[in-house]
Amino acid sequence: METVLDAFGTDRCMFESNFPMDKGSYSYSNGWNAMKRIAENFNQTEKDDLFWRSAARFYRLPVDAGMDSARHAKADI
């Protein structure tokens, strides 16, 4: 994961899961905690990229100009 993030940057990467299909392999909380650990040393903008902004951009979802990270993901991720 670090190699991919170094090569492409957080603005071209996003976290994903395949729940509920993957629940036979690992729990939802384990997957969520793994994502939080990967992102723990990133700044808030990079976390926003990984947790929601890159996906919104890729899928061309409408995002209000006034939206902040707290409305999409916990600020303490």
PDB file of N, CA and C in Angstrom:
ATOM      1  N   MET A   1       0.815  -1.187   0.000  1.00  0.00           N
ATOM      2  CA  MET A   1       0.000   0.000   0.000  1.00  0.00           C
ATOM      3  C   MET A   1       0.863   1.257   0.000  1.00  0.00           C
ATOM      4  N   GLU A   2       1.922   1.255   0.791  1.00  0.00           N
ATOM      5  CA  GLU A   2       2.792   2.436   0.853  1.00  0.00           C
ATOM      6  C   GLU A   2       3.425   2.733  -0.500  1.00  0.00           C
ATOM      7  N   THR A   3       3.817   1.684  -1.217  1.00  0.00           N
ATOM      8  CA  THR A   3       4.431   1.862  -2.533  1.00  0.00           C
ATOM      9  C   THR A   3       3.450   2.527  -3.495  1.00  0.00           C
ATOM     10  N   VAL A   4       2.211   2.081  -3.470  1.00  0.00           N
ATOM     11  CA  VAL A   4       1.184   2.655  -4.347  1.00  0.00           C
ATOM     12  C   VAL A   4       0.931   4.119  -3.986  1.00  0.00           C
ATOM     13  N   LEU A   5       0.811   4.397  -2.687  1.00  0.00           N
ATOM     14  CA  LEU A   5       0.580   5.778  -2.258  1.00  0.00           C
ATOM     15  C   LEU A   5       1.753   6.676  -2.613  1.00  0.00           C
ATOM     16  N   ASP A   6       2.975   6.161  -2.482  1.00  0.00           N
ATOM     17  CA  ASP A   6       4.154   6.938  -2.871  1.00  0.00           C
ATOM     18  C   ASP A   6       4.170   7.205  -4.376  1.00  0.00           C
ATOM     19  N   ALA A   7       3.781   6.205  -5.160  1.00  0.00           N
ATOM     20  CA  ALA A   7       3.825   6.335  -6.615  1.00  0.00           C
ATOM     21  C   ALA A   7       2.720   7.237  -7.161  1.00  0.00           C
ATOM     22  N   PHE A   8       1.517   7.120  -6.624  1.00  0.00           N
ATOM     23  CA  PHE A   8       0.371   7.826  -7.196  1.00  0.00           C
ATOM     24  C   PHE A   8      -0.124   9.005  -6.368  1.00  0.00           C
ATOM     25  N   GLY A   9       0.178   9.031  -5.095  1.00  0.00           N
ATOM     26  CA  GLY A   9      -0.319  10.093  -4.220  1.00  0.00           C
ATOM     27  C   GLY A   9      -1.734   9.818  -3.754  1.00  0.00           C
ATOM     28  N   THR A  10      -2.101  10.436  -2.653  1.00  0.00           N
ATOM     29  CA  THR A  10      -3.428  10.190  -2.092  1.00  0.00           C
ATOM     30  C   THR A  10      -4.549  10.733  -2.973  1.00  0.00           C
ATOM     31  N   ASP A  11      -4.245  11.712  -3.806  1.00  0.00           N
ATOM     32  CA  ASP A  11      -5.285  12.270  -4.672  1.00  0.00           C
ATOM     33  C   ASP A  11      -5.662  11.332  -5.810  1.00  0.00           C
ATOM     34  N   ARG A  12      -4.902  10.242  -5.989  1.00  0.00           N
ATOM     35  CA  ARG A  12      -5.221   9.252  -7.022  1.00  0.00           C
ATOM     36  C   ARG A  12      -5.463   7.873  -6.431  1.00  0.00           C
ATOM     37  N   CYS A  13      -5.702   7.805  -5.119  1.00  0.00           N
ATOM     38  CA  CYS A  13      -5.976   6.540  -4.434  1.00  0.00           C
ATOM     39  C   CYS A  13      -7.191   6.710  -3.536  1.00  0.00           C
ATOM     40  N   MET A  14      -7.833   5.589  -3.206  1.00  0.00           N
ATOM     41  CA  MET A  14      -8.959   5.621  -2.276  1.00  0.00           C
ATOM     42  C   MET A  14      -9.042   4.293  -1.547  1.00  0.00           C
ATOM     43  N   PHE A  15      -9.571   4.336  -0.336  1.00  0.00           N
ATOM     44  CA  PHE A  15      -9.842   3.111   0.398  1.00  0.00           C
ATOM     45  C   PHE A  15     -11.140   2.518  -0.113  1.00  0.00           C
ATOM     46  N   GLU A  16     -11.244   1.200  -0.029  1.00  0.00           N
ATOM     47  CA  GLU A  16     -12.460   0.512  -0.430  1.00  0.00           C
ATOM     48  C   GLU A  16     -12.608  -0.739   0.412  1.00  0.00           C
ATOM     49  N   SER A  17     -13.800  -1.278   0.409  1.00  0.00           N
ATOM     50  CA  SER A  17     -14.031  -2.570   1.039  1.00  0.00           C
ATOM     51  C   SER A  17     -15.042  -3.318   0.189  1.00  0.00           C
ATOM     52  N   ASN A  18     -15.188  -4.576   0.459  1.00  0.00           N
ATOM     53  CA  ASN A  18     -16.129  -5.406  -0.271  1.00  0.00           C
ATOM     54  C   ASN A  18     -17.159  -5.985   0.696  1.00  0.00           C
ATOM     55  N   PHE A  19     -17.470  -5.208   1.729  1.00  0.00           N
ATOM     56  CA  PHE A  19     -18.454  -5.688   2.689  1.00  0.00           C
ATOM     57  C   PHE A  19     -19.850  -5.570   2.110  1.00  0.00           C
ATOM     58  N   PRO A  20     -20.715  -6.532   2.404  1.00  0.00           N
ATOM     59  CA  PRO A  20     -20.571  -7.599   3.393  1.00  0.00           C
ATOM     60  C   PRO A  20     -19.963  -8.889   2.860  1.00  0.00           C
ATOM     61  N   MET A  21     -19.591  -8.914   1.597  1.00  0.00           N
ATOM     62  CA  MET A  21     -19.082 -10.158   1.002  1.00  0.00           C
ATOM     63  C   MET A  21     -17.819 -10.675   1.695  1.00  0.00           C
ATOM     64  N   ASP A  22     -16.973  -9.801   2.186  1.00  0.00           N
ATOM     65  CA  ASP A  22     -15.707 -10.213   2.794  1.00  0.00           C
ATOM     66  C   ASP A  22     -15.802 -10.563   4.271  1.00  0.00           C
ATOM     67  N   LYS A  23     -16.986 -10.528   4.857  1.00  0.00           N
ATOM     68  CA  LYS A  23     -17.053 -10.737   6.300  1.00  0.00           C
ATOM     69  C   LYS A  23     -16.636 -12.139   6.716  1.00  0.00           C
ATOM     70  N   GLY A  24     -16.517 -13.065   5.797  1.00  0.00           N
ATOM     71  CA  GLY A  24     -15.985 -14.385   6.109  1.00  0.00           C
ATOM     72  C   GLY A  24     -14.474 -14.369   6.267  1.00  0.00           C
ATOM     73  N   SER A  25     -13.817 -13.339   5.748  1.00  0.00           N
ATOM     74  CA  SER A  25     -12.358 -13.235   5.805  1.00  0.00           C
ATOM     75  C   SER A  25     -11.871 -12.373   6.962  1.00  0.00           C
ATOM     76  N   TYR A  26     -12.581 -11.304   7.260  1.00  0.00           N
ATOM     77  CA  TYR A  26     -12.201 -10.398   8.347  1.00  0.00           C
ATOM     78  C   TYR A  26     -13.426  -9.584   8.744  1.00  0.00           C
ATOM     79  N   SER A  27     -13.391  -9.056   9.948  1.00  0.00           N
ATOM     80  CA  SER A  27     -14.534  -8.277  10.429  1.00  0.00           C
ATOM     81  C   SER A  27     -14.482  -6.856   9.865  1.00  0.00           C
ATOM     82  N   TYR A  28     -15.634  -6.215   9.880  1.00  0.00           N
ATOM     83  CA  TYR A  28     -15.711  -4.831   9.426  1.00  0.00           C
ATOM     84  C   TYR A  28     -14.782  -3.949  10.243  1.00  0.00           C
ATOM     85  N   SER A  29     -14.763  -4.150  11.556  1.00  0.00           N
ATOM     86  CA  SER A  29     -13.913  -3.312  12.411  1.00  0.00           C
ATOM     87  C   SER A  29     -12.437  -3.533  12.119  1.00  0.00           C
ATOM     88  N   ASN A  30     -12.036  -4.761  11.796  1.00  0.00           N
ATOM     89  CA  ASN A  30     -10.633  -5.002  11.429  1.00  0.00           C
ATOM     90  C   ASN A  30     -10.267  -4.271  10.142  1.00  0.00           C
ATOM     91  N   GLY A  31     -11.153  -4.305   9.168  1.00  0.00           N
ATOM     92  CA  GLY A  31     -10.895  -3.599   7.916  1.00  0.00           C
ATOM     93  C   GLY A  31     -10.822  -2.093   8.121  1.00  0.00           C
ATOM     94  N   TRP A  32     -11.770  -1.550   8.885  1.00  0.00           N
ATOM     95  CA  TRP A  32     -11.792  -0.110   9.165  1.00  0.00           C
ATOM     96  C   TRP A  32     -10.541   0.303   9.923  1.00  0.00           C
ATOM     97  N   ASN A  33     -10.169  -0.484  10.937  1.00  0.00           N
ATOM     98  CA  ASN A  33      -8.972  -0.163  11.721  1.00  0.00           C
ATOM     99  C   ASN A  33      -7.706  -0.244  10.879  1.00  0.00           C
ATOM    100  N   ALA A  34      -7.652  -1.168   9.928  1.00  0.00           N
ATOM    101  CA  ALA A  34      -6.491  -1.259   9.036  1.00  0.00           C
ATOM    102  C   ALA A  34      -6.360   0.012   8.204  1.00  0.00           C
ATOM    103  N   MET A  35      -7.487   0.508   7.698  1.00  0.00           N
ATOM    104  CA  MET A  35      -7.456   1.748   6.914  1.00  0.00           C
ATOM    105  C   MET A  35      -7.010   2.922   7.782  1.00  0.00           C
ATOM    106  N   LYS A  36      -7.511   2.994   9.001  1.00  0.00           N
ATOM    107  CA  LYS A  36      -7.114   4.082   9.900  1.00  0.00           C
ATOM    108  C   LYS A  36      -5.626   4.017  10.224  1.00  0.00           C
ATOM    109  N   ARG A  37      -5.097   2.815  10.400  1.00  0.00           N
ATOM    110  CA  ARG A  37      -3.657   2.691  10.693  1.00  0.00           C
ATOM    111  C   ARG A  37      -2.806   3.115   9.508  1.00  0.00           C
ATOM    112  N   ILE A  38      -3.214   2.746   8.316  1.00  0.00           N
ATOM    113  CA  ILE A  38      -2.471   3.146   7.119  1.00  0.00           C
ATOM    114  C   ILE A  38      -2.425   4.667   7.020  1.00  0.00           C
ATOM    115  N   ALA A  39      -3.529   5.320   7.368  1.00  0.00           N
ATOM    116  CA  ALA A  39      -3.641   6.773   7.200  1.00  0.00           C
ATOM    117  C   ALA A  39      -3.220   7.578   8.427  1.00  0.00           C
ATOM    118  N   GLU A  40      -2.821   6.934   9.500  1.00  0.00           N
ATOM    119  CA  GLU A  40      -2.611   7.655  10.763  1.00  0.00           C
ATOM    120  C   GLU A  40      -1.557   8.755  10.696  1.00  0.00           C
ATOM    121  N   ASN A  41      -0.571   8.644   9.837  1.00  0.00           N
ATOM    122  CA  ASN A  41       0.485   9.662   9.758  1.00  0.00           C
ATOM    123  C   ASN A  41       0.274  10.682   8.641  1.00  0.00           C
ATOM    124  N   PHE A  42      -0.854  10.590   7.948  1.00  0.00           N
ATOM    125  CA  PHE A  42      -1.156  11.532   6.884  1.00  0.00           C
ATOM    126  C   PHE A  42      -1.840  12.768   7.454  1.00  0.00           C
ATOM    127  N   ASN A  43      -1.732  13.880   6.740  1.00  0.00           N
ATOM    128  CA  ASN A  43      -2.448  15.081   7.174  1.00  0.00           C
ATOM    129  C   ASN A  43      -3.932  14.939   6.811  1.00  0.00           C
ATOM    130  N   GLN A  44      -4.754  15.877   7.269  1.00  0.00           N
ATOM    131  CA  GLN A  44      -6.199  15.756   7.080  1.00  0.00           C
ATOM    132  C   GLN A  44      -6.601  15.766   5.610  1.00  0.00           C
ATOM    133  N   THR A  45      -5.933  16.538   4.784  1.00  0.00           N
ATOM    134  CA  THR A  45      -6.247  16.565   3.353  1.00  0.00           C
ATOM    135  C   THR A  45      -5.988  15.205   2.717  1.00  0.00           C
ATOM    136  N   GLU A  46      -4.872  14.574   3.061  1.00  0.00           N
ATOM    137  CA  GLU A  46      -4.554  13.247   2.525  1.00  0.00           C
ATOM    138  C   GLU A  46      -5.556  12.206   3.012  1.00  0.00           C
ATOM    139  N   LYS A  47      -5.962  12.295   4.270  1.00  0.00           N
ATOM    140  CA  LYS A  47      -6.980  11.379   4.796  1.00  0.00           C
ATOM    141  C   LYS A  47      -8.299  11.576   4.063  1.00  0.00           C
ATOM    142  N   ASP A  48      -8.671  12.828   3.843  1.00  0.00           N
ATOM    143  CA  ASP A  48      -9.897  13.107   3.097  1.00  0.00           C
ATOM    144  C   ASP A  48      -9.831  12.489   1.710  1.00  0.00           C
ATOM    145  N   ASP A  49      -8.686  12.603   1.050  1.00  0.00           N
ATOM    146  CA  ASP A  49      -8.514  11.976  -0.267  1.00  0.00           C
ATOM    147  C   ASP A  49      -8.793  10.484  -0.185  1.00  0.00           C
ATOM    148  N   LEU A  50      -8.174   9.811   0.752  1.00  0.00           N
ATOM    149  CA  LEU A  50      -8.285   8.359   0.854  1.00  0.00           C
ATOM    150  C   LEU A  50      -9.671   7.896   1.278  1.00  0.00           C
ATOM    151  N   PHE A  51     -10.297   8.617   2.200  1.00  0.00           N
ATOM    152  CA  PHE A  51     -11.567   8.166   2.748  1.00  0.00           C
ATOM    153  C   PHE A  51     -12.792   8.640   1.967  1.00  0.00           C
ATOM    154  N   TRP A  52     -12.705   9.735   1.195  1.00  0.00           N
ATOM    155  CA  TRP A  52     -13.890  10.146   0.450  1.00  0.00           C
ATOM    156  C   TRP A  52     -13.623  11.002  -0.781  1.00  0.00           C
ATOM    157  N   ARG A  53     -12.668  11.911  -0.750  1.00  0.00           N
ATOM    158  CA  ARG A  53     -12.553  12.882  -1.834  1.00  0.00           C
ATOM    159  C   ARG A  53     -12.166  12.239  -3.171  1.00  0.00           C
ATOM    160  N   SER A  54     -11.230  11.304  -3.182  1.00  0.00           N
ATOM    161  CA  SER A  54     -10.838  10.654  -4.441  1.00  0.00           C
ATOM    162  C   SER A  54     -12.014   9.905  -5.053  1.00  0.00           C
ATOM    163  N   ALA A  55     -12.805   9.234  -4.211  1.00  0.00           N
ATOM    164  CA  ALA A  55     -13.977   8.510  -4.710  1.00  0.00           C
ATOM    165  C   ALA A  55     -15.011   9.483  -5.277  1.00  0.00           C
ATOM    166  N   ALA A  56     -15.257  10.577  -4.566  1.00  0.00           N
ATOM    167  CA  ALA A  56     -16.219  11.572  -5.054  1.00  0.00           C
ATOM    168  C   ALA A  56     -15.785  12.120  -6.410  1.00  0.00           C
ATOM    169  N   ARG A  57     -14.502  12.381  -6.541  1.00  0.00           N
ATOM    170  CA  ARG A  57     -13.976  12.908  -7.803  1.00  0.00           C
ATOM    171  C   ARG A  57     -14.094  11.854  -8.909  1.00  0.00           C
ATOM    172  N   PHE A  58     -13.687  10.616  -8.632  1.00  0.00           N
ATOM    173  CA  PHE A  58     -13.702   9.552  -9.637  1.00  0.00           C
ATOM    174  C   PHE A  58     -15.120   9.258 -10.120  1.00  0.00           C
ATOM    175  N   TYR A  59     -16.054   9.157  -9.183  1.00  0.00           N
ATOM    176  CA  TYR A  59     -17.438   8.839  -9.534  1.00  0.00           C
ATOM    177  C   TYR A  59     -18.262  10.077  -9.885  1.00  0.00           C
ATOM    178  N   ARG A  60     -17.593  11.226  -9.906  1.00  0.00           N
ATOM    179  CA  ARG A  60     -18.226  12.496 -10.267  1.00  0.00           C
ATOM    180  C   ARG A  60     -19.470  12.775  -9.424  1.00  0.00           C
ATOM    181  N   LEU A  61     -19.308  12.555  -8.122  1.00  0.00           N
ATOM    182  CA  LEU A  61     -20.389  12.832  -7.187  1.00  0.00           C
ATOM    183  C   LEU A  61     -20.412  14.320  -6.875  1.00  0.00           C
ATOM    184  N   PRO A  62     -21.592  14.884  -6.743  1.00  0.00           N
ATOM    185  CA  PRO A  62     -21.655  16.307  -6.420  1.00  0.00           C
ATOM    186  C   PRO A  62     -21.130  16.560  -5.006  1.00  0.00           C
ATOM    187  N   VAL A  63     -20.245  17.506  -4.890  1.00  0.00           N
ATOM    188  CA  VAL A  63     -19.687  17.891  -3.596  1.00  0.00           C
ATOM    189  C   VAL A  63     -19.825  19.396  -3.483  1.00  0.00           C
ATOM    190  N   ASP A  64     -20.550  19.833  -2.480  1.00  0.00           N
ATOM    191  CA  ASP A  64     -20.712  21.271  -2.262  1.00  0.00           C
ATOM    192  C   ASP A  64     -19.370  21.901  -1.948  1.00  0.00           C
ATOM    193  N   ALA A  65     -19.167  23.099  -2.429  1.00  0.00           N
ATOM    194  CA  ALA A  65     -17.903  23.800  -2.193  1.00  0.00           C
ATOM    195  C   ALA A  65     -17.630  23.992  -0.708  1.00  0.00           C
ATOM    196  N   GLY A  66     -18.666  24.088   0.102  1.00  0.00           N
ATOM    197  CA  GLY A  66     -18.487  24.320   1.527  1.00  0.00           C
ATOM    198  C   GLY A  66     -18.307  23.062   2.358  1.00  0.00           C
ATOM    199  N   MET A  67     -18.307  21.897   1.718  1.00  0.00           N
ATOM    200  CA  MET A  67     -18.167  20.660   2.482  1.00  0.00           C
ATOM    201  C   MET A  67     -16.785  20.571   3.102  1.00  0.00           C
ATOM    202  N   ASP A  68     -16.749  20.088   4.328  1.00  0.00           N
ATOM    203  CA  ASP A  68     -15.465  19.872   4.983  1.00  0.00           C
ATOM    204  C   ASP A  68     -15.335  18.404   5.358  1.00  0.00           C
ATOM    205  N   SER A  69     -14.165  18.022   5.799  1.00  0.00           N
ATOM    206  CA  SER A  69     -13.887  16.620   6.086  1.00  0.00           C
ATOM    207  C   SER A  69     -14.772  16.063   7.183  1.00  0.00           C
ATOM    208  N   ALA A  70     -15.173  16.870   8.135  1.00  0.00           N
ATOM    209  CA  ALA A  70     -15.971  16.381   9.254  1.00  0.00           C
ATOM    210  C   ALA A  70     -17.337  15.878   8.804  1.00  0.00           C
ATOM    211  N   ARG A  71     -17.809  16.339   7.669  1.00  0.00           N
ATOM    212  CA  ARG A  71     -19.107  15.879   7.168  1.00  0.00           C
ATOM    213  C   ARG A  71     -18.988  14.545   6.452  1.00  0.00           C
ATOM    214  N   HIS A  72     -17.791  14.106   6.139  1.00  0.00           N
ATOM    215  CA  HIS A  72     -17.594  12.866   5.398  1.00  0.00           C
ATOM    216  C   HIS A  72     -16.903  11.794   6.220  1.00  0.00           C
ATOM    217  N   ALA A  73     -15.968  12.186   7.007  1.00  0.00           N
ATOM    218  CA  ALA A  73     -15.216  11.237   7.831  1.00  0.00           C
ATOM    219  C   ALA A  73     -14.840  11.933   9.121  1.00  0.00           C
ATOM    220  N   LYS A  74     -14.657  11.155  10.141  1.00  0.00           N
ATOM    221  CA  LYS A  74     -14.280  11.745  11.423  1.00  0.00           C
ATOM    222  C   LYS A  74     -12.983  12.515  11.278  1.00  0.00           C
ATOM    223  N   ALA A  75     -12.929  13.676  11.858  1.00  0.00           N
ATOM    224  CA  ALA A  75     -11.726  14.506  11.776  1.00  0.00           C
ATOM    225  C   ALA A  75     -10.547  13.860  12.482  1.00  0.00           C
ATOM    226  N   ASP A  76     -10.815  12.911  13.363  1.00  0.00           N
ATOM    227  CA  ASP A  76      -9.721  12.274  14.097  1.00  0.00           C
ATOM    228  C   ASP A  76      -9.309  10.933  13.523  1.00  0.00           C
ATOM    229  N   ILE A  77      -9.663  10.667  12.270  1.00  0.00           N
ATOM    230  CA  ILE A  77      -9.284   9.395  11.644  1.00  0.00           C
ATOM    231  C   ILE A  77      -7.786   9.316  11.564  1.00  0.00           C
TER     232      ILE A  77
END
